[in-house]
Amino acid sequence: MKLNLVDIIEHHIKRALEASQDNKILLRRNELAQSFGCAPSQINYVIQTRFNVERGYITESQRGGGGYIRVIRLDTDKFKQLLPSLAGFQRGGVSQRQALDLVHWLQERKLISSREAQIMASVLDRTVLDVELPLRDRLRSRLLLAMLEAIIREG
């Protein structure tokens, strides 16, 4: 399996997080882009799509000449604290991609089994939630939140 540049950058950042003592790293966007031979916007893309709350990360960005990106990997306790903010999904709904990213993160952190992840993913799929947008995303949000609350209660 050949990895594309986005995957390579993601793996590089994850390795740096694993080596960190406190689940935090500070990245310089331009330096990282230069080392991978890509545009800084590609680094932004990786951060936005692979290191978001749904996948168990918080990112902070400082723009400008001394700009940086701080990536923080959430631990289970922080995730539990994060649950109330996930309720914000309920307002606008959750896309299938956001939901699957969160399910993937839960499985990666061993908060759910592979079987549970498959069940959750199938329930949250657009073909199962056979209603029009934006109702479908709101329904998906409510289902996801109910599952998250059950995971946290039982975990």
C-alpha atoms as a PDB file:
ATOM      1  CA  MET A   1       0.000   0.000   0.000  1.00  0.00           C
ATOM      2  CA  LYS A   2       1.516   3.264  -1.123  1.00  0.00           C
ATOM      3  CA  LEU A   3       0.855   6.249   1.125  1.00  0.00           C
ATOM      4  CA  ASN A   4       0.052   9.634  -0.322  1.00  0.00           C
ATOM      5  CA  LEU A   5       1.586  12.854   0.981  1.00  0.00           C
ATOM      6  CA  VAL A   6      -1.348  13.580   3.304  1.00  0.00           C
ATOM      7  CA  ASP A   7      -0.957  10.152   4.932  1.00  0.00           C
ATOM      8  CA  ILE A   8       2.807  10.624   5.261  1.00  0.00           C
ATOM      9  CA  ILE A   9       2.391  14.011   6.960  1.00  0.00           C
ATOM     10  CA  GLU A  10      -0.305  12.562   9.257  1.00  0.00           C
ATOM     11  CA  HIS A  11       1.990   9.693  10.296  1.00  0.00           C
ATOM     12  CA  HIS A  12       4.866  12.122  10.909  1.00  0.00           C
ATOM     13  CA  ILE A  13       2.695  14.238  13.228  1.00  0.00           C
ATOM     14  CA  LYS A  14       1.346  11.163  15.042  1.00  0.00           C
ATOM     15  CA  ARG A  15       4.885   9.872  15.628  1.00  0.00           C
ATOM     16  CA  ALA A  16       5.852  13.254  17.061  1.00  0.00           C
ATOM     17  CA  LEU A  17       2.830  13.137  19.381  1.00  0.00           C
ATOM     18  CA  GLU A  18       3.751   9.624  20.538  1.00  0.00           C
ATOM     19  CA  ALA A  19       7.262  10.820  21.376  1.00  0.00           C
ATOM     20  CA  SER A  20       5.935  13.798  23.323  1.00  0.00           C
ATOM     21  CA  GLN A  21       5.730  13.640  27.105  1.00  0.00           C
ATOM     22  CA  ASP A  22       2.464  15.562  27.397  1.00  0.00           C
ATOM     23  CA  ASN A  23       0.488  14.696  24.222  1.00  0.00           C
ATOM     24  CA  LYS A  24       1.258  18.145  22.771  1.00  0.00           C
ATOM     25  CA  ILE A  25       3.479  19.256  19.939  1.00  0.00           C
ATOM     26  CA  LEU A  26       4.221  22.596  18.360  1.00  0.00           C
ATOM     27  CA  LEU A  27       4.630  22.656  14.584  1.00  0.00           C
ATOM     28  CA  ARG A  28       5.909  25.408  12.338  1.00  0.00           C
ATOM     29  CA  ARG A  29       3.708  25.285   9.261  1.00  0.00           C
ATOM     30  CA  ASN A  30       6.299  26.667   6.823  1.00  0.00           C
ATOM     31  CA  GLU A  31       9.132  24.480   8.131  1.00  0.00           C
ATOM     32  CA  LEU A  32       6.970  21.361   7.929  1.00  0.00           C
ATOM     33  CA  ALA A  33       5.840  22.262   4.400  1.00  0.00           C
ATOM     34  CA  GLN A  34       9.430  22.837   3.347  1.00  0.00           C
ATOM     35  CA  SER A  35      10.592  19.494   4.780  1.00  0.00           C
ATOM     36  CA  PHE A  36       7.843  17.661   2.865  1.00  0.00           C
ATOM     37  CA  GLY A  37       8.229  19.754  -0.289  1.00  0.00           C
ATOM     38  CA  CYS A  38       4.655  20.969  -0.296  1.00  0.00           C
ATOM     39  CA  ALA A  39       2.666  24.162   0.140  1.00  0.00           C
ATOM     40  CA  PRO A  40       1.738  25.335   3.664  1.00  0.00           C
ATOM     41  CA  SER A  41      -1.912  25.003   2.633  1.00  0.00           C
ATOM     42  CA  GLN A  42      -1.374  21.232   2.375  1.00  0.00           C
ATOM     43  CA  ILE A  43      -0.219  21.204   5.998  1.00  0.00           C
ATOM     44  CA  ASN A  44      -3.384  23.115   6.893  1.00  0.00           C
ATOM     45  CA  TYR A  45      -5.446  20.510   5.036  1.00  0.00           C
ATOM     46  CA  VAL A  46      -3.844  17.640   6.979  1.00  0.00           C
ATOM     47  CA  ILE A  47      -4.393  19.435  10.298  1.00  0.00           C
ATOM     48  CA  GLN A  48      -8.024  20.281   9.525  1.00  0.00           C
ATOM     49  CA  THR A  49      -9.009  16.844   8.227  1.00  0.00           C
ATOM     50  CA  ARG A  50      -6.869  14.454  10.276  1.00  0.00           C
ATOM     51  CA  PHE A  51      -6.379  16.283  13.591  1.00  0.00           C
ATOM     52  CA  ASN A  52      -9.816  17.562  14.559  1.00  0.00           C
ATOM     53  CA  VAL A  53     -11.999  17.092  17.617  1.00  0.00           C
ATOM     54  CA  GLU A  54     -13.928  14.273  15.990  1.00  0.00           C
ATOM     55  CA  ARG A  55     -10.678  12.319  15.768  1.00  0.00           C
ATOM     56  CA  GLY A  56      -9.598  13.174  19.305  1.00  0.00           C
ATOM     57  CA  TYR A  57      -7.365  16.197  18.764  1.00  0.00           C
ATOM     58  CA  ILE A  58      -7.485  19.876  19.514  1.00  0.00           C
ATOM     59  CA  THR A  59      -5.487  22.255  17.376  1.00  0.00           C
ATOM     60  CA  GLU A  60      -4.526  25.845  18.011  1.00  0.00           C
ATOM     61  CA  SER A  61      -3.087  28.031  15.314  1.00  0.00           C
ATOM     62  CA  GLN A  62      -1.067  31.242  15.446  1.00  0.00           C
ATOM     63  CA  ARG A  63      -0.648  32.937  12.080  1.00  0.00           C
ATOM     64  CA  GLY A  64       2.102  35.277  11.015  1.00  0.00           C
ATOM     65  CA  GLY A  65       5.889  35.174  10.777  1.00  0.00           C
ATOM     66  CA  GLY A  66       6.343  33.320  14.055  1.00  0.00           C
ATOM     67  CA  GLY A  67       3.206  31.304  13.463  1.00  0.00           C
ATOM     68  CA  TYR A  68       2.754  27.795  14.716  1.00  0.00           C
ATOM     69  CA  ILE A  69       0.225  25.025  15.019  1.00  0.00           C
ATOM     70  CA  ARG A  70      -0.173  23.305  18.374  1.00  0.00           C
ATOM     71  CA  VAL A  71      -1.639  19.802  18.194  1.00  0.00           C
ATOM     72  CA  ILE A  72      -2.966  18.266  21.398  1.00  0.00           C
ATOM     73  CA  ARG A  73      -4.045  14.637  21.560  1.00  0.00           C
ATOM     74  CA  LEU A  74      -6.966  14.191  23.910  1.00  0.00           C
ATOM     75  CA  ASP A  75      -6.793  11.479  26.502  1.00  0.00           C
ATOM     76  CA  THR A  76      -9.876   9.589  27.620  1.00  0.00           C
ATOM     77  CA  ASP A  77     -10.533  11.880  30.590  1.00  0.00           C
ATOM     78  CA  LYS A  78     -10.364  14.963  28.379  1.00  0.00           C
ATOM     79  CA  PHE A  79     -12.707  13.285  25.932  1.00  0.00           C
ATOM     80  CA  LYS A  80     -15.197  12.731  28.742  1.00  0.00           C
ATOM     81  CA  GLN A  81     -14.901  16.420  29.569  1.00  0.00           C
ATOM     82  CA  LEU A  82     -15.361  17.182  25.893  1.00  0.00           C
ATOM     83  CA  LEU A  83     -18.699  15.397  25.594  1.00  0.00           C
ATOM     84  CA  PRO A  84     -20.781  18.444  26.567  1.00  0.00           C
ATOM     85  CA  SER A  85     -19.159  20.457  23.789  1.00  0.00           C
ATOM     86  CA  LEU A  86     -19.968  17.666  21.341  1.00  0.00           C
ATOM     87  CA  ALA A  87     -23.572  18.499  22.100  1.00  0.00           C
ATOM     88  CA  GLY A  88     -22.920  21.488  19.841  1.00  0.00           C
ATOM     89  CA  PHE A  89     -23.207  18.998  16.994  1.00  0.00           C
ATOM     90  CA  GLN A  90     -26.873  18.788  17.826  1.00  0.00           C
ATOM     91  CA  ARG A  91     -27.497  22.363  16.728  1.00  0.00           C
ATOM     92  CA  GLY A  92     -26.323  21.993  13.151  1.00  0.00           C
ATOM     93  CA  GLY A  93     -26.109  18.267  12.851  1.00  0.00           C
ATOM     94  CA  VAL A  94     -23.219  15.969  12.060  1.00  0.00           C
ATOM     95  CA  SER A  95     -22.138  14.919   8.595  1.00  0.00           C
ATOM     96  CA  GLN A  96     -21.426  11.281   7.883  1.00  0.00           C
ATOM     97  CA  ARG A  97     -17.705  12.099   7.564  1.00  0.00           C
ATOM     98  CA  GLN A  98     -17.593  13.828  10.973  1.00  0.00           C
ATOM     99  CA  ALA A  99     -19.419  10.913  12.590  1.00  0.00           C
ATOM    100  CA  LEU A 100     -17.133   8.308  11.018  1.00  0.00           C
ATOM    101  CA  ASP A 101     -14.051  10.282  12.046  1.00  0.00           C
ATOM    102  CA  LEU A 102     -15.250  10.255  15.633  1.00  0.00           C
ATOM    103  CA  VAL A 103     -16.074   6.529  15.509  1.00  0.00           C
ATOM    104  CA  HIS A 104     -12.581   5.884  14.094  1.00  0.00           C
ATOM    105  CA  TRP A 105     -11.029   7.901  16.920  1.00  0.00           C
ATOM    106  CA  LEU A 106     -13.007   5.981  19.542  1.00  0.00           C
ATOM    107  CA  GLN A 107     -11.808   2.692  18.084  1.00  0.00           C
ATOM    108  CA  GLU A 108      -8.213   3.899  17.743  1.00  0.00           C
ATOM    109  CA  ARG A 109      -8.207   4.908  21.428  1.00  0.00           C
ATOM    110  CA  LYS A 110      -9.700   1.485  22.296  1.00  0.00           C
ATOM    111  CA  LEU A 111     -12.817   3.054  23.783  1.00  0.00           C
ATOM    112  CA  ILE A 112     -14.890   0.810  21.509  1.00  0.00           C
ATOM    113  CA  SER A 113     -14.201  -2.507  19.810  1.00  0.00           C
ATOM    114  CA  SER A 114     -13.963  -3.033  16.081  1.00  0.00           C
ATOM    115  CA  ARG A 115     -17.397  -4.662  16.178  1.00  0.00           C
ATOM    116  CA  GLU A 116     -18.907  -1.707  18.031  1.00  0.00           C
ATOM    117  CA  ALA A 117     -17.314   0.676  15.514  1.00  0.00           C
ATOM    118  CA  GLN A 118     -18.873  -1.264  12.628  1.00  0.00           C
ATOM    119  CA  ILE A 119     -22.275  -1.203  14.295  1.00  0.00           C
ATOM    120  CA  MET A 120     -22.045   2.531  14.986  1.00  0.00           C
ATOM    121  CA  ALA A 121     -20.870   3.276  11.446  1.00  0.00           C
ATOM    122  CA  SER A 122     -23.710   1.277   9.919  1.00  0.00           C
ATOM    123  CA  VAL A 123     -26.337   3.030  12.051  1.00  0.00           C
ATOM    124  CA  LEU A 124     -24.934   6.454  11.145  1.00  0.00           C
ATOM    125  CA  ASP A 125     -24.761   5.774   7.395  1.00  0.00           C
ATOM    126  CA  ARG A 126     -26.758   8.037   5.066  1.00  0.00           C
ATOM    127  CA  THR A 127     -28.420   5.049   3.392  1.00  0.00           C
ATOM    128  CA  VAL A 128     -29.844   3.924   6.731  1.00  0.00           C
ATOM    129  CA  LEU A 129     -30.892   7.424   7.777  1.00  0.00           C
ATOM    130  CA  ASP A 130     -33.139   7.722   4.754  1.00  0.00           C
ATOM    131  CA  VAL A 131     -34.398  11.275   5.293  1.00  0.00           C
ATOM    132  CA  GLU A 132     -33.576  14.553   3.576  1.00  0.00           C
ATOM    133  CA  LEU A 133     -30.875  16.980   4.692  1.00  0.00           C
ATOM    134  CA  PRO A 134     -30.602  18.814   7.079  1.00  0.00           C
ATOM    135  CA  LEU A 135     -32.869  16.527   9.111  1.00  0.00           C
ATOM    136  CA  ARG A 136     -30.585  13.554   8.380  1.00  0.00           C
ATOM    137  CA  ASP A 137     -27.541  15.313   9.913  1.00  0.00           C
ATOM    138  CA  ARG A 138     -29.548  16.336  12.982  1.00  0.00           C
ATOM    139  CA  LEU A 139     -30.822  12.784  13.419  1.00  0.00           C
ATOM    140  CA  ARG A 140     -27.291  11.411  13.015  1.00  0.00           C
ATOM    141  CA  SER A 141     -26.120  13.879  15.648  1.00  0.00           C
ATOM    142  CA  ARG A 142     -28.716  12.751  18.167  1.00  0.00           C
ATOM    143  CA  LEU A 143     -27.914   9.067  17.561  1.00  0.00           C
ATOM    144  CA  LEU A 144     -24.190   9.702  17.870  1.00  0.00           C
ATOM    145  CA  LEU A 145     -24.594  11.657  21.091  1.00  0.00           C
ATOM    146  CA  ALA A 146     -26.728   8.889  22.611  1.00  0.00           C
ATOM    147  CA  MET A 147     -24.028   6.346  21.708  1.00  0.00           C
ATOM    148  CA  LEU A 148     -21.265   8.566  23.126  1.00  0.00           C
ATOM    149  CA  GLU A 149     -23.115   9.010  26.381  1.00  0.00           C
ATOM    150  CA  ALA A 150     -23.548   5.224  26.662  1.00  0.00           C
ATOM    151  CA  ILE A 151     -19.833   4.668  25.958  1.00  0.00           C
ATOM    152  CA  ILE A 152     -18.811   7.191  28.582  1.00  0.00           C
ATOM    153  CA  ARG A 153     -21.260   5.819  31.163  1.00  0.00           C
ATOM    154  CA  GLU A 154     -20.075   2.251  30.617  1.00  0.00           C
ATOM    155  CA  GLY A 155     -16.389   3.146  30.150  1.00  0.00           C
END
